[in-house]
């Protein structure tokens, strides 16, 4: 599903994937019994012990591969909410702080998605403190509101 969504958004997706510029770390598929993997895909199980260490190690490895061939990279983390559903917020944020810091050191542009209704205001403030900016969409009574915070100050 994610590949199809990316292909619809990014016209050069197929070429980028063919050239080895796309990598995936999948924390979902194994939990529903899928063992099918492809090039550039690493399957992890969200119920494995030490899954966050495995996730960090895998992403760090992928980032080193990409940085060896390209000056920078982009990361989409879909979704922080899924990780939080398996762990508590404290463990998730303890993981995210150095993880996000590493992406900043790498000069990567990263997008961390959170699902509505799964996080307290304090959790959202904690995450916003870690990143350079945020884009928030809120739907109220058939109206969609957009709030952009801090991104103008970030370097990309």
C-alpha atoms as a PDB file:
ATOM      1  CA  UNK A   1       0.000   0.000   0.000  1.00  0.00           C
ATOM      2  CA  UNK A   2       2.759   2.472   0.915  1.00  0.00           C
ATOM      3  CA  UNK A   3       4.564   1.837  -2.375  1.00  0.00           C
ATOM      4  CA  UNK A   4       1.376   2.567  -4.321  1.00  0.00           C
ATOM      5  CA  UNK A   5       0.809   5.783  -2.352  1.00  0.00           C
ATOM      6  CA  UNK A   6       4.383   6.924  -2.973  1.00  0.00           C
ATOM      7  CA  UNK A   7       4.176   6.105  -6.677  1.00  0.00           C
ATOM      8  CA  UNK A   8       1.046   8.271  -6.949  1.00  0.00           C
ATOM      9  CA  UNK A   9       2.774  11.195  -5.192  1.00  0.00           C
ATOM     10  CA  UNK A  10       6.239  10.929  -6.734  1.00  0.00           C
ATOM     11  CA  UNK A  11       6.323  10.472 -10.528  1.00  0.00           C
ATOM     12  CA  UNK A  12       9.967   9.323 -10.407  1.00  0.00           C
ATOM     13  CA  UNK A  13       9.277   6.636  -7.808  1.00  0.00           C
ATOM     14  CA  UNK A  14       9.709   3.597 -10.081  1.00  0.00           C
ATOM     15  CA  UNK A  15      13.058   4.878 -11.368  1.00  0.00           C
ATOM     16  CA  UNK A  16      14.248   5.763  -7.848  1.00  0.00           C
ATOM     17  CA  UNK A  17      13.296   2.293  -6.602  1.00  0.00           C
ATOM     18  CA  UNK A  18      15.043   0.651  -9.575  1.00  0.00           C
ATOM     19  CA  UNK A  19      18.193   2.661  -8.790  1.00  0.00           C
ATOM     20  CA  UNK A  20      18.176   1.509  -5.156  1.00  0.00           C
ATOM     21  CA  UNK A  21      17.235   4.890  -3.737  1.00  0.00           C
ATOM     22  CA  UNK A  22      14.172   3.619  -1.830  1.00  0.00           C
ATOM     23  CA  UNK A  23      14.355   1.572   1.382  1.00  0.00           C
ATOM     24  CA  UNK A  24      11.629   0.282   3.696  1.00  0.00           C
ATOM     25  CA  UNK A  25      11.608  -0.980   7.245  1.00  0.00           C
ATOM     26  CA  UNK A  26       8.276  -2.737   7.713  1.00  0.00           C
ATOM     27  CA  UNK A  27       7.055  -3.286  11.282  1.00  0.00           C
ATOM     28  CA  UNK A  28       3.575  -4.392  10.264  1.00  0.00           C
ATOM     29  CA  UNK A  29       3.669  -7.208   7.709  1.00  0.00           C
ATOM     30  CA  UNK A  30       5.223  -9.869   9.947  1.00  0.00           C
ATOM     31  CA  UNK A  31       2.576  -9.227  12.607  1.00  0.00           C
ATOM     32  CA  UNK A  32      -0.093 -10.339  10.115  1.00  0.00           C
ATOM     33  CA  UNK A  33       1.858 -13.387   8.958  1.00  0.00           C
ATOM     34  CA  UNK A  34       3.524 -12.039   5.824  1.00  0.00           C
ATOM     35  CA  UNK A  35       7.107 -13.081   5.202  1.00  0.00           C
ATOM     36  CA  UNK A  36       7.311 -11.702   1.657  1.00  0.00           C
ATOM     37  CA  UNK A  37      10.072  -9.163   1.290  1.00  0.00           C
ATOM     38  CA  UNK A  38      11.698  -7.490  -1.663  1.00  0.00           C
ATOM     39  CA  UNK A  39      14.856  -5.579  -2.479  1.00  0.00           C
ATOM     40  CA  UNK A  40      15.417  -2.683  -0.107  1.00  0.00           C
ATOM     41  CA  UNK A  41      12.856  -4.019   2.376  1.00  0.00           C
ATOM     42  CA  UNK A  42      13.638  -5.207   5.890  1.00  0.00           C
ATOM     43  CA  UNK A  43      10.827  -6.910   7.791  1.00  0.00           C
ATOM     44  CA  UNK A  44      10.812  -6.522  11.563  1.00  0.00           C
ATOM     45  CA  UNK A  45       8.167  -7.605  14.030  1.00  0.00           C
ATOM     46  CA  UNK A  46       6.725  -5.020  16.371  1.00  0.00           C
ATOM     47  CA  UNK A  47       6.472  -7.730  19.028  1.00  0.00           C
ATOM     48  CA  UNK A  48      10.145  -8.743  18.859  1.00  0.00           C
ATOM     49  CA  UNK A  49      12.275  -8.023  21.854  1.00  0.00           C
ATOM     50  CA  UNK A  50      14.539  -5.071  21.168  1.00  0.00           C
ATOM     51  CA  UNK A  51      12.537  -4.011  18.106  1.00  0.00           C
ATOM     52  CA  UNK A  52      13.482  -0.352  18.556  1.00  0.00           C
ATOM     53  CA  UNK A  53      17.179  -1.221  18.617  1.00  0.00           C
ATOM     54  CA  UNK A  54      16.663  -3.300  15.458  1.00  0.00           C
ATOM     55  CA  UNK A  55      14.774  -0.419  13.862  1.00  0.00           C
ATOM     56  CA  UNK A  56      17.498   2.119  14.682  1.00  0.00           C
ATOM     57  CA  UNK A  57      20.258  -0.225  13.479  1.00  0.00           C
ATOM     58  CA  UNK A  58      18.421  -0.956  10.228  1.00  0.00           C
ATOM     59  CA  UNK A  59      17.651   2.696   9.476  1.00  0.00           C
ATOM     60  CA  UNK A  60      21.223   3.702  10.344  1.00  0.00           C
ATOM     61  CA  UNK A  61      22.509   1.029   7.944  1.00  0.00           C
ATOM     62  CA  UNK A  62      20.174   2.163   5.177  1.00  0.00           C
ATOM     63  CA  UNK A  63      21.168   5.797   5.761  1.00  0.00           C
ATOM     64  CA  UNK A  64      24.876   4.938   5.462  1.00  0.00           C
ATOM     65  CA  UNK A  65      24.210   3.094   2.176  1.00  0.00           C
ATOM     66  CA  UNK A  66      22.266   6.048   0.798  1.00  0.00           C
ATOM     67  CA  UNK A  67      24.768   8.671   2.005  1.00  0.00           C
ATOM     68  CA  UNK A  68      27.594   6.779   0.281  1.00  0.00           C
ATOM     69  CA  UNK A  69      25.857   7.424  -3.061  1.00  0.00           C
ATOM     70  CA  UNK A  70      23.892  10.635  -2.433  1.00  0.00           C
ATOM     71  CA  UNK A  71      24.567  13.818  -0.435  1.00  0.00           C
ATOM     72  CA  UNK A  72      21.434  13.442   1.678  1.00  0.00           C
ATOM     73  CA  UNK A  73      18.289  11.373   2.046  1.00  0.00           C
ATOM     74  CA  UNK A  74      14.633  11.641   3.035  1.00  0.00           C
ATOM     75  CA  UNK A  75      12.911   9.599   5.710  1.00  0.00           C
ATOM     76  CA  UNK A  76       9.204   8.960   6.202  1.00  0.00           C
ATOM     77  CA  UNK A  77       8.292   7.387   9.555  1.00  0.00           C
ATOM     78  CA  UNK A  78       4.767   6.054   9.193  1.00  0.00           C
ATOM     79  CA  UNK A  79       3.717   5.979  11.903  1.00  0.00           C
ATOM     80  CA  UNK A  80       4.920   6.984  15.348  1.00  0.00           C
ATOM     81  CA  UNK A  81       1.402   6.140  16.531  1.00  0.00           C
ATOM     82  CA  UNK A  82       1.804   2.490  15.533  1.00  0.00           C
ATOM     83  CA  UNK A  83       5.006   2.190  17.558  1.00  0.00           C
ATOM     84  CA  UNK A  84       3.325   3.904  20.510  1.00  0.00           C
ATOM     85  CA  UNK A  85       0.440   1.410  20.310  1.00  0.00           C
ATOM     86  CA  UNK A  86       2.887  -1.427  21.067  1.00  0.00           C
ATOM     87  CA  UNK A  87       4.994   0.485  23.583  1.00  0.00           C
ATOM     88  CA  UNK A  88       4.290   3.230  26.047  1.00  0.00           C
ATOM     89  CA  UNK A  89       4.900   6.866  25.146  1.00  0.00           C
ATOM     90  CA  UNK A  90       7.951   7.110  27.391  1.00  0.00           C
ATOM     91  CA  UNK A  91       9.728   4.230  25.608  1.00  0.00           C
ATOM     92  CA  UNK A  92       8.770   5.634  22.212  1.00  0.00           C
ATOM     93  CA  UNK A  93      10.134   9.095  22.994  1.00  0.00           C
ATOM     94  CA  UNK A  94      13.256   7.634  24.604  1.00  0.00           C
ATOM     95  CA  UNK A  95      13.850   5.923  21.249  1.00  0.00           C
ATOM     96  CA  UNK A  96      12.887   8.910  19.098  1.00  0.00           C
ATOM     97  CA  UNK A  97      15.172  11.493  20.696  1.00  0.00           C
ATOM     98  CA  UNK A  98      18.476   9.960  19.482  1.00  0.00           C
ATOM     99  CA  UNK A  99      16.799   8.626  16.312  1.00  0.00           C
ATOM    100  CA  UNK A 100      15.643  12.128  15.314  1.00  0.00           C
ATOM    101  CA  UNK A 101      18.993  13.593  16.375  1.00  0.00           C
ATOM    102  CA  UNK A 102      20.804  11.203  14.041  1.00  0.00           C
ATOM    103  CA  UNK A 103      18.645  12.288  11.093  1.00  0.00           C
ATOM    104  CA  UNK A 104      19.470  15.937  11.888  1.00  0.00           C
ATOM    105  CA  UNK A 105      23.210  15.172  12.007  1.00  0.00           C
ATOM    106  CA  UNK A 106      22.865  13.376   8.657  1.00  0.00           C
ATOM    107  CA  UNK A 107      21.192  16.466   7.165  1.00  0.00           C
ATOM    108  CA  UNK A 108      18.176  14.356   6.242  1.00  0.00           C
ATOM    109  CA  UNK A 109      14.670  15.681   5.799  1.00  0.00           C
ATOM    110  CA  UNK A 110      12.370  13.518   7.900  1.00  0.00           C
ATOM    111  CA  UNK A 111       8.592  13.257   8.194  1.00  0.00           C
ATOM    112  CA  UNK A 112       7.120  11.649  11.314  1.00  0.00           C
ATOM    113  CA  UNK A 113       3.432  10.850  11.029  1.00  0.00           C
ATOM    114  CA  UNK A 114       1.098  10.703  14.016  1.00  0.00           C
ATOM    115  CA  UNK A 115      -2.514   9.596  13.914  1.00  0.00           C
ATOM    116  CA  UNK A 116      -5.221  11.769  15.427  1.00  0.00           C
ATOM    117  CA  UNK A 117      -6.591  10.802  18.810  1.00  0.00           C
ATOM    118  CA  UNK A 118      -3.784   8.446  19.846  1.00  0.00           C
ATOM    119  CA  UNK A 119      -1.594  10.951  21.679  1.00  0.00           C
ATOM    120  CA  UNK A 120      -2.014  13.342  24.555  1.00  0.00           C
ATOM    121  CA  UNK A 121      -1.293  17.036  24.127  1.00  0.00           C
ATOM    122  CA  UNK A 122       1.834  16.515  26.247  1.00  0.00           C
ATOM    123  CA  UNK A 123       3.035  13.781  23.840  1.00  0.00           C
ATOM    124  CA  UNK A 124       2.499  16.067  20.853  1.00  0.00           C
ATOM    125  CA  UNK A 125       4.389  18.892  22.551  1.00  0.00           C
ATOM    126  CA  UNK A 126       7.257  16.513  23.373  1.00  0.00           C
ATOM    127  CA  UNK A 127       7.566  15.416  19.755  1.00  0.00           C
ATOM    128  CA  UNK A 128       7.263  18.970  18.437  1.00  0.00           C
ATOM    129  CA  UNK A 129      10.124  19.938  20.745  1.00  0.00           C
ATOM    130  CA  UNK A 130      12.359  17.276  19.124  1.00  0.00           C
ATOM    131  CA  UNK A 131      11.774  18.301  15.508  1.00  0.00           C
ATOM    132  CA  UNK A 132      12.406  21.502  13.557  1.00  0.00           C
ATOM    133  CA  UNK A 133       8.756  22.068  12.728  1.00  0.00           C
ATOM    134  CA  UNK A 134       5.367  20.495  12.300  1.00  0.00           C
ATOM    135  CA  UNK A 135       2.426  20.460   9.942  1.00  0.00           C
ATOM    136  CA  UNK A 136      -0.844  19.755  11.725  1.00  0.00           C
ATOM    137  CA  UNK A 137      -4.145  18.957  10.046  1.00  0.00           C
ATOM    138  CA  UNK A 138      -7.299  19.122  12.125  1.00  0.00           C
ATOM    139  CA  UNK A 139     -10.839  18.389  10.971  1.00  0.00           C
ATOM    140  CA  UNK A 140     -13.750  19.987  12.813  1.00  0.00           C
ATOM    141  CA  UNK A 141     -17.326  19.954  11.558  1.00  0.00           C
ATOM    142  CA  UNK A 142     -16.379  19.250   7.934  1.00  0.00           C
ATOM    143  CA  UNK A 143     -13.707  21.976   7.928  1.00  0.00           C
ATOM    144  CA  UNK A 144     -10.007  21.177   7.657  1.00  0.00           C
ATOM    145  CA  UNK A 145      -7.546  23.420   9.473  1.00  0.00           C
ATOM    146  CA  UNK A 146      -3.832  23.570   8.696  1.00  0.00           C
ATOM    147  CA  UNK A 147      -1.196  24.787  11.153  1.00  0.00           C
ATOM    148  CA  UNK A 148       2.479  25.075  10.225  1.00  0.00           C
ATOM    149  CA  UNK A 149       4.941  25.640  13.056  1.00  0.00           C
ATOM    150  CA  UNK A 150       8.661  26.339  12.912  1.00  0.00           C
ATOM    151  CA  UNK A 151       9.476  24.919   9.495  1.00  0.00           C
ATOM    152  CA  UNK A 152      10.584  28.277   8.085  1.00  0.00           C
ATOM    153  CA  UNK A 153      13.575  28.230  10.442  1.00  0.00           C
ATOM    154  CA  UNK A 154      14.743  24.736   9.470  1.00  0.00           C
ATOM    155  CA  UNK A 155      17.541  24.163   6.987  1.00  0.00           C
ATOM    156  CA  UNK A 156      16.943  21.657   4.232  1.00  0.00           C
END
